[in-house]
Amino acid sequence: MLLYGSAILSIDTPDGLLIRFFQNASDELRHSAFAQTGQKFARDSEHGAPQHIERFQRLWEWRISTISQFSLAQDADRELAAFGWWMQTDVSPPLWSLQQLDRVLNLVDRIDMSPFVVARLAAIGELEPRLTLRCLDRLVKSDTRSWSSSEWDTSVRTILTVALQQEDEEIRDQAKALVSSLALRGHTSYLALLSEAQ
């Protein structure tokens, strides 16, 4: 991946080394490649440079499009989940991150680093509340292990509070439906947000 970021490797050569890697590597190895890239974004200013970000955005878009086009999601479960590492940093553009997370969660029901993902949704969700709620709804239904964490609770409350204050009635209804879904799963404390929003 470092060689790709440095423009030594390309996805434009059909029989190139990087293409062959994605065709032949295990799901776990492909996961590691994308997860390590996200980790580098978080700690390495060089890999956070715009030219690097744009190249890796293109790589991700190519890869998820390939997975979607050829119905490969079942064999790319871990690889797609690695996008969570990209969501833990604000290096990638907010709207692009939201759109790609939505694509991932449409294909698989898991994501790495889910507390950080939900925190990022809380930070950028006001840009596109409808899309943010859709992503959160999928996360709530799939990641039951993280519900008890304070990070999740704080972030979910922020997302729902913002959505319930929107002028768009459809967005408010979407948020209310999510509150009800959470309550049915035993998280009744979110019901108070409905009365607070009135």
Protein backbone atom coordinates (compact mmCIF):
# COMPACT_ATOMS: atom_id res chain seq x y z
CA MET A 1 0.00 0.00 0.00
CA LEU A 2 2.94 2.31 0.61
CA LEU A 3 4.05 1.76 -2.98
CA TYR A 4 0.56 2.60 -4.19
CA GLY A 5 0.52 5.78 -2.12
CA SER A 6 3.85 6.76 -3.66
CA ALA A 7 2.42 6.16 -7.17
CA ILE A 8 4.83 3.28 -7.80
CA LEU A 9 1.94 0.81 -8.05
CA SER A 10 -1.32 1.48 -9.86
CA ILE A 11 -4.80 0.01 -10.21
CA ASP A 12 -4.85 1.00 -13.88
CA THR A 13 -2.74 -1.97 -15.01
CA PRO A 14 -5.05 -5.04 -15.28
CA ASP A 15 -2.29 -7.55 -14.52
CA GLY A 16 -0.36 -5.29 -12.14
CA LEU A 17 0.93 -6.37 -8.76
CA LEU A 18 -1.74 -4.53 -6.78
CA ILE A 19 -4.57 -5.99 -8.85
CA ARG A 20 -3.15 -9.48 -8.40
CA PHE A 21 -2.89 -8.89 -4.66
CA PHE A 22 -6.60 -8.13 -4.36
CA GLN A 23 -7.47 -11.06 -6.59
CA ASN A 24 -5.38 -13.63 -4.71
CA ALA A 25 -4.87 -12.46 -1.13
CA SER A 26 -7.06 -13.77 1.69
CA ASP A 27 -9.81 -11.63 3.17
CA GLU A 28 -7.68 -11.22 6.29
CA LEU A 29 -4.68 -9.94 4.33
CA ARG A 30 -6.83 -7.49 2.40
CA HIS A 31 -8.33 -6.35 5.69
CA SER A 32 -4.86 -5.75 7.10
CA ALA A 33 -3.88 -3.68 4.07
CA PHE A 34 -6.82 -1.29 4.44
CA ALA A 35 -6.72 -1.24 8.25
CA GLN A 36 -3.03 -0.35 8.29
CA THR A 37 -3.67 2.40 5.76
CA GLY A 38 -6.30 3.90 8.07
CA GLN A 39 -3.90 3.68 10.99
CA LYS A 40 -1.24 5.49 8.99
CA PHE A 41 -3.71 8.24 8.14
CA ALA A 42 -4.33 8.72 11.85
CA ARG A 43 -0.72 9.05 12.90
CA ASP A 44 1.33 10.03 9.85
CA SER A 45 1.04 13.57 8.47
CA GLU A 46 2.70 12.55 5.19
CA HIS A 47 0.01 9.98 4.46
CA GLY A 48 -2.55 12.61 5.37
CA ALA A 49 -1.37 14.85 2.54
CA PRO A 50 -4.13 15.64 -0.01
CA GLN A 51 -2.44 13.81 -2.88
CA HIS A 52 -2.19 10.64 -0.79
CA ILE A 53 -5.77 10.89 0.43
CA GLU A 54 -7.10 11.31 -3.10
CA ARG A 55 -5.15 8.30 -4.34
CA PHE A 56 -6.41 6.10 -1.52
CA GLN A 57 -9.96 7.37 -1.99
CA ARG A 58 -9.72 6.22 -5.60
CA LEU A 59 -8.35 2.85 -4.50
CA TRP A 60 -11.17 2.35 -2.02
CA GLU A 61 -13.84 3.38 -4.54
CA TRP A 62 -12.38 0.98 -7.12
CA ARG A 63 -12.25 -1.85 -4.62
CA ILE A 64 -15.77 -1.48 -3.20
CA SER A 65 -17.17 -1.07 -6.72
CA THR A 66 -15.43 -4.29 -7.75
CA ILE A 67 -16.83 -6.11 -4.73
CA SER A 68 -20.34 -4.81 -5.48
CA GLN A 69 -20.19 -5.48 -9.21
CA PHE A 70 -19.09 -9.09 -8.86
CA SER A 71 -21.07 -9.86 -5.66
CA LEU A 72 -17.93 -10.59 -3.66
CA ALA A 73 -19.10 -9.21 -0.31
CA GLN A 74 -19.38 -12.67 1.25
CA ASP A 75 -15.66 -13.18 0.64
CA ALA A 76 -14.73 -9.63 1.63
CA ASP A 77 -16.42 -9.29 5.00
CA ARG A 78 -13.28 -8.41 6.94
CA GLU A 79 -11.83 -6.31 4.14
CA LEU A 80 -14.89 -4.06 4.00
CA ALA A 81 -15.05 -3.80 7.79
CA ALA A 82 -11.57 -2.25 7.72
CA PHE A 83 -13.13 1.00 6.51
CA GLY A 84 -13.82 1.67 10.18
CA TRP A 85 -10.14 2.50 10.57
CA TRP A 86 -10.54 5.19 7.91
CA MET A 87 -13.52 6.63 9.79
CA GLN A 88 -11.56 7.08 13.02
CA THR A 89 -9.68 10.03 11.55
CA ASP A 90 -10.90 13.28 10.02
CA VAL A 91 -8.34 13.02 7.21
CA SER A 92 -10.86 11.72 4.69
CA PRO A 93 -13.52 14.20 3.50
CA PRO A 94 -16.66 14.06 5.69
CA LEU A 95 -19.32 13.58 3.02
CA TRP A 96 -17.20 11.03 1.14
CA SER A 97 -16.67 9.12 4.40
CA LEU A 98 -20.41 9.04 5.06
CA GLN A 99 -21.17 7.82 1.57
CA GLN A 100 -18.57 5.08 1.69
CA LEU A 101 -19.69 3.93 5.15
CA ASP A 102 -23.21 3.66 3.79
CA ARG A 103 -21.94 1.51 0.92
CA VAL A 104 -20.03 -0.74 3.33
CA LEU A 105 -22.99 -1.24 5.66
CA ASN A 106 -25.19 -2.02 2.67
CA LEU A 107 -22.89 -4.93 1.86
CA VAL A 108 -21.85 -6.27 5.29
CA ASP A 109 -23.20 -6.02 8.83
CA ARG A 110 -19.94 -5.25 10.62
CA ILE A 111 -17.40 -2.46 10.89
CA ASP A 112 -14.11 -2.18 12.74
CA MET A 113 -13.67 0.42 15.48
CA SER A 114 -17.41 1.00 15.77
CA PRO A 115 -17.22 3.40 18.76
CA PHE A 116 -14.90 5.64 16.74
CA VAL A 117 -17.14 5.30 13.69
CA VAL A 118 -20.19 6.43 15.65
CA ALA A 119 -18.18 9.29 17.15
CA ARG A 120 -17.25 10.43 13.64
CA LEU A 121 -20.89 10.20 12.61
CA ALA A 122 -21.77 12.46 15.54
CA ALA A 123 -19.09 14.95 14.47
CA ILE A 124 -20.08 15.14 10.79
CA GLY A 125 -23.69 13.94 10.80
CA GLU A 126 -25.23 17.38 10.49
CA LEU A 127 -23.91 17.52 6.92
CA GLU A 128 -26.30 14.76 5.87
CA PRO A 129 -28.64 13.77 8.74
CA ARG A 130 -30.70 11.31 6.69
CA LEU A 131 -27.66 9.34 5.58
CA THR A 132 -26.16 9.50 9.08
CA LEU A 133 -29.31 8.03 10.61
CA ARG A 134 -29.38 5.26 8.04
CA CYS A 135 -25.80 4.31 8.88
CA LEU A 136 -26.49 4.50 12.62
CA ASP A 137 -29.59 2.33 12.25
CA ARG A 138 -27.54 -0.37 10.52
CA LEU A 139 -24.82 -0.14 13.16
CA VAL A 140 -27.35 -0.41 16.00
CA LYS A 141 -28.84 -3.54 14.46
CA SER A 142 -25.50 -5.21 13.87
CA ASP A 143 -23.11 -4.21 16.67
CA THR A 144 -24.75 -5.19 19.95
CA ARG A 145 -21.40 -5.53 21.75
CA SER A 146 -20.68 -1.80 21.82
CA TRP A 147 -24.00 -0.48 23.07
CA SER A 148 -22.89 -0.40 26.69
CA SER A 149 -19.88 1.84 26.04
CA SER A 150 -20.11 5.48 27.08
CA GLU A 151 -18.61 6.52 23.73
CA TRP A 152 -21.50 4.95 21.86
CA ASP A 153 -24.10 6.43 24.17
CA THR A 154 -22.74 9.98 23.92
CA SER A 155 -22.40 9.82 20.15
CA VAL A 156 -25.83 8.27 19.59
CA ARG A 157 -27.46 10.94 21.73
CA THR A 158 -25.71 13.67 19.75
CA ILE A 159 -26.82 12.21 16.41
CA LEU A 160 -30.42 11.73 17.52
CA THR A 161 -30.65 15.18 19.14
CA VAL A 162 -29.43 16.88 15.96
CA ALA A 163 -31.82 14.84 13.81
CA LEU A 164 -34.83 15.53 16.03
CA GLN A 165 -34.18 19.27 15.70
CA GLN A 166 -34.21 19.23 11.91
CA GLU A 167 -36.93 21.13 10.05
CA ASP A 168 -37.38 18.21 7.66
CA GLU A 169 -40.23 16.09 9.06
CA GLU A 170 -38.97 12.94 7.32
CA ILE A 171 -35.64 13.22 9.12
CA ARG A 172 -37.39 13.73 12.46
CA ASP A 173 -39.58 10.69 11.79
CA GLN A 174 -36.49 8.67 10.88
CA ALA A 175 -34.89 9.66 14.19
CA LYS A 176 -38.06 8.79 16.13
CA ALA A 177 -38.17 5.37 14.49
CA LEU A 178 -34.56 4.77 15.53
CA VAL A 179 -35.32 5.83 19.11
CA SER A 180 -38.21 3.33 19.14
CA SER A 181 -35.94 0.63 17.74
CA LEU A 182 -33.41 1.28 20.49
CA ALA A 183 -36.14 1.22 23.14
CA LEU A 184 -37.39 -2.14 21.89
CA ARG A 185 -33.86 -3.45 22.39
CA GLY A 186 -33.90 -2.32 26.00
CA HIS A 187 -32.31 1.11 25.59
CA THR A 188 -35.27 3.07 26.90
CA SER A 189 -33.23 6.06 28.12
CA TYR A 190 -33.28 7.46 24.58
CA LEU A 191 -37.05 7.92 24.79
CA ALA A 192 -36.42 11.07 26.86
CA LEU A 193 -34.97 12.67 23.72
CA LEU A 194 -38.43 12.64 22.15
CA SER A 195 -39.96 14.77 24.89
CA GLU A 196 -36.94 17.06 24.96
CA ALA A 197 -37.35 17.72 21.24
CA GLN A 198 -40.98 18.84 21.56
